[in-house]
């Protein structure tokens, strides 16, 4: 049961980071998106678009790493090199997502809610994968 729950939370964390990628790298110029990130106006959104574009891809790469790790985790039997590689990749990517949420929190308490949104699913998935 724990491996299934770990997979669910790891997959949800990956999907969330794909969604963040879409907002930052694809939809950044839309006012409803840049406002969500606390950007005050269109000029600032345009000025920060290259940074958001780049940052979005970091989120996408973490999501891809988590998904590849989950696939490897399930691709072979327990205690195989493929299983170990999958676990390591999932733990690294989910841990990186949690670390990014903690870094976001260091920029101020007004970022508590976004940090919790960004970090809760990967934290739960990380803990579950430790015991899977």
N, C-alpha and C. Protein backbone atom coordinates (compact mmCIF):
# COMPACT_ATOMS: atom_id res chain seq x y z
N UNK A 1 0.82 -1.20 0.00
CA UNK A 1 0.00 0.00 0.00
C UNK A 1 0.86 1.27 0.00
N UNK A 2 1.97 1.25 0.75
CA UNK A 2 2.85 2.42 0.80
C UNK A 2 3.43 2.75 -0.57
N UNK A 3 3.90 1.76 -1.35
CA UNK A 3 4.41 2.11 -2.69
C UNK A 3 3.35 2.77 -3.58
N UNK A 4 2.11 2.35 -3.45
CA UNK A 4 1.05 2.96 -4.26
C UNK A 4 0.80 4.40 -3.82
N UNK A 5 0.72 4.62 -2.51
CA UNK A 5 0.53 5.99 -2.01
C UNK A 5 1.72 6.88 -2.38
N UNK A 6 2.93 6.33 -2.28
CA UNK A 6 4.12 7.09 -2.65
C UNK A 6 4.05 7.49 -4.12
N UNK A 7 3.63 6.56 -4.95
CA UNK A 7 3.49 6.83 -6.38
C UNK A 7 2.43 7.90 -6.64
N UNK A 8 1.32 7.83 -5.95
CA UNK A 8 0.26 8.83 -6.13
C UNK A 8 0.78 10.22 -5.76
N UNK A 9 1.39 10.34 -4.59
CA UNK A 9 1.86 11.67 -4.16
C UNK A 9 3.03 12.16 -5.02
N UNK A 10 3.92 11.25 -5.41
CA UNK A 10 5.01 11.64 -6.30
C UNK A 10 4.50 12.09 -7.65
N UNK A 11 3.49 11.40 -8.17
CA UNK A 11 2.90 11.77 -9.46
C UNK A 11 2.16 13.10 -9.37
N UNK A 12 1.43 13.31 -8.28
CA UNK A 12 0.73 14.59 -8.09
C UNK A 12 1.73 15.74 -7.99
N UNK A 13 2.84 15.51 -7.29
CA UNK A 13 3.88 16.54 -7.21
C UNK A 13 4.44 16.85 -8.59
N UNK A 14 4.66 15.81 -9.39
CA UNK A 14 5.16 16.02 -10.75
C UNK A 14 4.15 16.80 -11.58
N UNK A 15 2.88 16.43 -11.50
CA UNK A 15 1.84 17.15 -12.25
C UNK A 15 1.75 18.61 -11.83
N UNK A 16 1.86 18.87 -10.54
CA UNK A 16 1.84 20.25 -10.06
C UNK A 16 3.00 21.04 -10.68
N UNK A 17 4.17 20.42 -10.75
CA UNK A 17 5.32 21.13 -11.31
C UNK A 17 5.23 21.29 -12.82
N UNK A 18 4.52 20.40 -13.50
CA UNK A 18 4.24 20.61 -14.92
C UNK A 18 3.30 21.82 -15.06
N UNK A 19 2.32 21.92 -14.18
CA UNK A 19 1.40 23.06 -14.21
C UNK A 19 2.16 24.38 -13.95
N UNK A 20 3.08 24.35 -13.00
CA UNK A 20 3.89 25.55 -12.73
C UNK A 20 4.72 25.90 -13.97
N UNK A 21 5.27 24.88 -14.63
CA UNK A 21 6.00 25.11 -15.88
C UNK A 21 5.11 25.82 -16.90
N UNK A 22 3.90 25.34 -17.07
CA UNK A 22 2.98 25.93 -18.05
C UNK A 22 2.72 27.39 -17.70
N UNK A 23 2.47 27.66 -16.43
CA UNK A 23 2.21 29.06 -16.03
C UNK A 23 3.43 29.94 -16.28
N UNK A 24 4.61 29.47 -15.90
CA UNK A 24 5.80 30.31 -15.99
C UNK A 24 6.37 30.41 -17.40
N UNK A 25 6.36 29.32 -18.13
CA UNK A 25 7.04 29.31 -19.43
C UNK A 25 6.12 29.49 -20.63
N UNK A 26 4.82 29.25 -20.46
CA UNK A 26 3.90 29.33 -21.59
C UNK A 26 2.91 30.49 -21.42
N UNK A 27 2.38 30.65 -20.22
CA UNK A 27 1.28 31.61 -20.01
C UNK A 27 1.71 32.89 -19.28
N UNK A 28 2.98 33.11 -19.09
CA UNK A 28 3.46 34.20 -18.24
C UNK A 28 2.90 35.57 -18.61
N UNK A 29 2.68 35.85 -19.88
CA UNK A 29 2.23 37.18 -20.31
C UNK A 29 0.76 37.46 -19.99
N UNK A 30 0.03 36.46 -19.55
CA UNK A 30 -1.38 36.65 -19.22
C UNK A 30 -1.51 37.26 -17.82
N UNK A 31 -2.27 38.36 -17.70
CA UNK A 31 -2.39 39.04 -16.41
C UNK A 31 -2.83 38.12 -15.26
N UNK A 32 -3.74 37.19 -15.51
CA UNK A 32 -4.19 36.31 -14.43
C UNK A 32 -3.05 35.43 -13.91
N UNK A 33 -2.05 35.18 -14.75
CA UNK A 33 -0.90 34.37 -14.33
C UNK A 33 0.11 35.21 -13.58
N UNK A 34 0.57 36.31 -14.17
CA UNK A 34 1.61 37.08 -13.48
C UNK A 34 1.11 37.70 -12.20
N UNK A 35 -0.18 38.00 -12.13
CA UNK A 35 -0.74 38.49 -10.86
C UNK A 35 -0.66 37.41 -9.77
N UNK A 36 -0.89 36.17 -10.17
CA UNK A 36 -0.82 35.05 -9.22
C UNK A 36 0.57 34.96 -8.59
N UNK A 37 1.58 35.40 -9.33
CA UNK A 37 2.96 35.37 -8.83
C UNK A 37 3.37 36.69 -8.18
N UNK A 38 2.42 37.59 -8.00
CA UNK A 38 2.70 38.84 -7.31
C UNK A 38 3.36 39.91 -8.16
N UNK A 39 3.32 39.76 -9.47
CA UNK A 39 3.90 40.76 -10.37
C UNK A 39 2.89 41.91 -10.50
N UNK A 40 3.36 43.16 -10.31
CA UNK A 40 2.43 44.28 -10.20
C UNK A 40 1.82 44.80 -11.51
N UNK A 41 2.52 44.62 -12.66
CA UNK A 41 1.99 45.19 -13.90
C UNK A 41 2.57 44.47 -15.11
N UNK A 42 2.01 44.79 -16.27
CA UNK A 42 2.41 44.13 -17.52
C UNK A 42 3.87 44.42 -17.86
N UNK A 43 4.33 45.65 -17.60
CA UNK A 43 5.73 45.99 -17.91
C UNK A 43 6.70 45.12 -17.10
N UNK A 44 6.40 44.92 -15.83
CA UNK A 44 7.25 44.06 -15.00
C UNK A 44 7.15 42.62 -15.46
N UNK A 45 5.95 42.19 -15.85
CA UNK A 45 5.79 40.83 -16.37
C UNK A 45 6.62 40.64 -17.63
N UNK A 46 6.60 41.63 -18.51
CA UNK A 46 7.40 41.54 -19.73
C UNK A 46 8.89 41.52 -19.42
N UNK A 47 9.31 42.32 -18.44
CA UNK A 47 10.73 42.37 -18.07
C UNK A 47 11.20 41.08 -17.41
N UNK A 48 10.30 40.40 -16.70
CA UNK A 48 10.68 39.18 -15.99
C UNK A 48 10.36 37.91 -16.79
N UNK A 49 9.82 38.07 -17.99
CA UNK A 49 9.42 36.91 -18.79
C UNK A 49 10.58 35.94 -19.05
N UNK A 50 11.78 36.41 -19.42
CA UNK A 50 12.88 35.45 -19.64
C UNK A 50 13.24 34.67 -18.37
N UNK A 51 13.21 35.33 -17.22
CA UNK A 51 13.50 34.65 -15.96
C UNK A 51 12.42 33.61 -15.65
N UNK A 52 11.16 33.98 -15.83
CA UNK A 52 10.06 33.04 -15.58
C UNK A 52 10.13 31.86 -16.54
N UNK A 53 10.45 32.14 -17.78
CA UNK A 53 10.58 31.08 -18.80
C UNK A 53 11.63 30.06 -18.36
N UNK A 54 12.77 30.55 -17.93
CA UNK A 54 13.85 29.67 -17.48
C UNK A 54 13.45 28.91 -16.23
N UNK A 55 12.87 29.59 -15.28
CA UNK A 55 12.45 28.97 -14.02
C UNK A 55 11.39 27.89 -14.27
N UNK A 56 10.51 28.13 -15.22
CA UNK A 56 9.50 27.13 -15.56
C UNK A 56 10.12 25.83 -16.02
N UNK A 57 11.18 25.94 -16.78
CA UNK A 57 11.84 24.72 -17.25
C UNK A 57 12.50 23.95 -16.12
N UNK A 58 13.00 24.62 -15.10
CA UNK A 58 13.51 23.90 -13.92
C UNK A 58 12.39 23.05 -13.31
N UNK A 59 11.20 23.62 -13.21
CA UNK A 59 10.07 22.86 -12.67
C UNK A 59 9.73 21.68 -13.57
N UNK A 60 9.76 21.88 -14.87
CA UNK A 60 9.48 20.79 -15.80
C UNK A 60 10.51 19.67 -15.65
N UNK A 61 11.78 20.03 -15.56
CA UNK A 61 12.83 19.01 -15.44
C UNK A 61 12.68 18.21 -14.15
N UNK A 62 12.30 18.87 -13.06
CA UNK A 62 12.05 18.13 -11.82
C UNK A 62 10.88 17.17 -11.99
N UNK A 63 9.83 17.62 -12.66
CA UNK A 63 8.67 16.75 -12.89
C UNK A 63 9.06 15.54 -13.74
N UNK A 64 9.83 15.76 -14.79
CA UNK A 64 10.27 14.66 -15.65
C UNK A 64 11.12 13.68 -14.85
N UNK A 65 12.02 14.21 -14.02
CA UNK A 65 12.85 13.33 -13.19
C UNK A 65 12.02 12.47 -12.26
N UNK A 66 10.99 13.06 -11.65
CA UNK A 66 10.13 12.30 -10.75
C UNK A 66 9.39 11.20 -11.51
N UNK A 67 8.87 11.52 -12.67
CA UNK A 67 8.13 10.53 -13.46
C UNK A 67 9.06 9.40 -13.92
N UNK A 68 10.23 9.74 -14.41
CA UNK A 68 11.18 8.69 -14.82
C UNK A 68 11.55 7.82 -13.62
N UNK A 69 11.77 8.44 -12.47
CA UNK A 69 12.08 7.67 -11.27
C UNK A 69 10.95 6.73 -10.87
N UNK A 70 9.73 7.21 -10.96
CA UNK A 70 8.57 6.36 -10.64
C UNK A 70 8.48 5.18 -11.61
N UNK A 71 8.69 5.46 -12.90
CA UNK A 71 8.65 4.38 -13.89
C UNK A 71 9.73 3.34 -13.59
N UNK A 72 10.93 3.79 -13.30
CA UNK A 72 12.01 2.86 -12.97
C UNK A 72 11.70 2.07 -11.70
N UNK A 73 11.12 2.74 -10.72
CA UNK A 73 10.76 2.10 -9.47
C UNK A 73 9.83 0.91 -9.71
N UNK A 74 8.88 1.09 -10.62
CA UNK A 74 7.90 0.03 -10.90
C UNK A 74 8.35 -0.94 -11.99
N UNK A 75 9.42 -0.60 -12.74
CA UNK A 75 9.82 -1.39 -13.90
C UNK A 75 10.49 -2.72 -13.54
N UNK A 76 11.07 -2.80 -12.39
CA UNK A 76 11.80 -4.01 -12.01
C UNK A 76 11.37 -4.44 -10.61
N UNK A 77 11.80 -5.62 -10.26
CA UNK A 77 11.47 -6.13 -8.93
C UNK A 77 12.20 -5.37 -7.84
N UNK A 78 11.77 -5.59 -6.60
CA UNK A 78 12.44 -4.92 -5.48
C UNK A 78 13.90 -5.35 -5.36
N UNK A 79 14.69 -4.44 -4.83
CA UNK A 79 16.11 -4.70 -4.56
C UNK A 79 16.92 -5.00 -5.82
N UNK A 80 16.53 -4.43 -6.93
CA UNK A 80 17.31 -4.55 -8.16
C UNK A 80 17.99 -3.21 -8.42
N UNK A 81 18.99 -3.19 -9.29
CA UNK A 81 19.63 -1.90 -9.61
C UNK A 81 18.66 -0.89 -10.22
N UNK A 82 17.71 -1.36 -11.02
CA UNK A 82 16.73 -0.44 -11.62
C UNK A 82 15.84 0.15 -10.53
N UNK A 83 15.42 -0.68 -9.59
CA UNK A 83 14.62 -0.21 -8.45
C UNK A 83 15.39 0.85 -7.66
N UNK A 84 16.66 0.56 -7.39
CA UNK A 84 17.49 1.52 -6.63
C UNK A 84 17.66 2.83 -7.39
N UNK A 85 17.85 2.74 -8.70
CA UNK A 85 17.98 3.96 -9.51
C UNK A 85 16.68 4.77 -9.48
N UNK A 86 15.55 4.08 -9.59
CA UNK A 86 14.27 4.77 -9.54
C UNK A 86 14.04 5.46 -8.21
N UNK A 87 14.32 4.74 -7.13
CA UNK A 87 14.16 5.33 -5.79
C UNK A 87 15.05 6.55 -5.63
N UNK A 88 16.30 6.42 -6.06
CA UNK A 88 17.24 7.54 -5.92
C UNK A 88 16.78 8.76 -6.71
N UNK A 89 16.32 8.52 -7.93
CA UNK A 89 15.87 9.63 -8.76
C UNK A 89 14.62 10.29 -8.18
N UNK A 90 13.67 9.48 -7.72
CA UNK A 90 12.46 10.04 -7.12
C UNK A 90 12.80 10.83 -5.87
N UNK A 91 13.64 10.27 -5.01
CA UNK A 91 14.00 10.97 -3.77
C UNK A 91 14.75 12.27 -4.08
N UNK A 92 15.63 12.25 -5.07
CA UNK A 92 16.37 13.46 -5.42
C UNK A 92 15.43 14.54 -5.95
N UNK A 93 14.54 14.16 -6.88
CA UNK A 93 13.68 15.19 -7.48
C UNK A 93 12.63 15.69 -6.49
N UNK A 94 12.02 14.80 -5.73
CA UNK A 94 11.03 15.25 -4.73
C UNK A 94 11.73 16.08 -3.65
N UNK A 95 12.92 15.66 -3.24
CA UNK A 95 13.68 16.43 -2.26
C UNK A 95 14.04 17.82 -2.79
N UNK A 96 14.35 17.90 -4.08
CA UNK A 96 14.66 19.20 -4.69
C UNK A 96 13.42 20.09 -4.73
N UNK A 97 12.25 19.50 -4.97
CA UNK A 97 11.01 20.27 -4.95
C UNK A 97 10.76 20.84 -3.55
N UNK A 98 10.98 20.02 -2.53
CA UNK A 98 10.79 20.47 -1.14
C UNK A 98 11.81 21.57 -0.83
N UNK A 99 13.05 21.38 -1.24
CA UNK A 99 14.08 22.39 -0.99
C UNK A 99 13.73 23.72 -1.67
N UNK A 100 13.20 23.65 -2.89
CA UNK A 100 12.80 24.87 -3.59
C UNK A 100 11.67 25.58 -2.84
N UNK A 101 10.76 24.81 -2.27
CA UNK A 101 9.68 25.42 -1.47
C UNK A 101 10.25 26.10 -0.23
N UNK A 102 11.23 25.48 0.39
CA UNK A 102 11.87 26.09 1.57
C UNK A 102 12.62 27.36 1.19
N UNK A 103 13.28 27.35 0.04
CA UNK A 103 13.96 28.56 -0.43
C UNK A 103 12.94 29.67 -0.67
N UNK A 104 11.81 29.32 -1.27
CA UNK A 104 10.75 30.31 -1.49
C UNK A 104 10.31 30.92 -0.15
N UNK A 105 10.20 30.10 0.85
CA UNK A 105 9.77 30.58 2.16
C UNK A 105 10.78 31.54 2.77
N UNK A 106 12.06 31.38 2.46
CA UNK A 106 13.08 32.29 3.01
C UNK A 106 12.96 33.70 2.45
N UNK A 107 12.17 33.88 1.39
CA UNK A 107 12.02 35.22 0.82
C UNK A 107 10.94 36.03 1.53
N UNK A 108 10.24 35.42 2.47
CA UNK A 108 9.26 36.16 3.27
C UNK A 108 8.04 35.33 3.58
N UNK A 109 7.40 35.66 4.68
CA UNK A 109 6.22 34.92 5.12
C UNK A 109 5.03 35.10 4.19
N UNK A 110 5.05 36.14 3.36
CA UNK A 110 3.94 36.29 2.41
C UNK A 110 3.95 35.16 1.38
N UNK A 111 5.04 34.40 1.34
CA UNK A 111 5.15 33.27 0.42
C UNK A 111 4.86 31.93 1.10
N UNK A 112 4.31 31.97 2.30
CA UNK A 112 4.00 30.73 3.02
C UNK A 112 3.02 29.86 2.23
N UNK A 113 1.94 30.46 1.77
CA UNK A 113 0.94 29.67 1.04
C UNK A 113 1.52 29.06 -0.24
N UNK A 114 2.21 29.84 -1.10
CA UNK A 114 2.80 29.22 -2.29
C UNK A 114 3.84 28.15 -1.93
N UNK A 115 4.59 28.36 -0.88
CA UNK A 115 5.59 27.37 -0.47
C UNK A 115 4.92 26.07 -0.02
N UNK A 116 3.81 26.21 0.70
CA UNK A 116 3.07 25.02 1.12
C UNK A 116 2.46 24.29 -0.08
N UNK A 117 1.94 25.05 -1.02
CA UNK A 117 1.37 24.44 -2.23
C UNK A 117 2.46 23.70 -3.00
N UNK A 118 3.60 24.34 -3.15
CA UNK A 118 4.71 23.78 -3.92
C UNK A 118 5.39 22.62 -3.21
N UNK A 119 5.41 22.63 -1.89
CA UNK A 119 6.22 21.67 -1.16
C UNK A 119 5.50 20.53 -0.47
N UNK A 120 4.20 20.62 -0.26
CA UNK A 120 3.50 19.60 0.53
C UNK A 120 3.44 18.25 -0.18
N UNK A 121 2.98 18.23 -1.43
CA UNK A 121 2.89 16.95 -2.15
C UNK A 121 4.24 16.26 -2.28
N UNK A 122 5.31 16.98 -2.68
CA UNK A 122 6.59 16.28 -2.76
C UNK A 122 7.12 15.83 -1.40
N UNK A 123 6.83 16.58 -0.34
CA UNK A 123 7.27 16.15 0.99
C UNK A 123 6.60 14.84 1.40
N UNK A 124 5.30 14.76 1.19
CA UNK A 124 4.58 13.53 1.52
C UNK A 124 5.09 12.38 0.65
N UNK A 125 5.27 12.63 -0.64
CA UNK A 125 5.80 11.60 -1.53
C UNK A 125 7.19 11.16 -1.13
N UNK A 126 8.05 12.11 -0.74
CA UNK A 126 9.41 11.79 -0.32
C UNK A 126 9.40 10.85 0.89
N UNK A 127 8.63 11.21 1.89
CA UNK A 127 8.56 10.39 3.11
C UNK A 127 8.02 9.00 2.77
N UNK A 128 6.99 8.93 1.97
CA UNK A 128 6.42 7.64 1.59
C UNK A 128 7.41 6.79 0.80
N UNK A 129 8.16 7.42 -0.11
CA UNK A 129 9.15 6.66 -0.89
C UNK A 129 10.29 6.16 -0.01
N UNK A 130 10.57 6.84 1.09
CA UNK A 130 11.58 6.33 2.02
C UNK A 130 11.18 4.97 2.60
N UNK A 131 9.87 4.77 2.75
CA UNK A 131 9.37 3.54 3.37
C UNK A 131 8.79 2.56 2.34
N UNK A 132 8.78 2.93 1.09
CA UNK A 132 8.18 2.06 0.05
C UNK A 132 9.06 0.86 -0.24
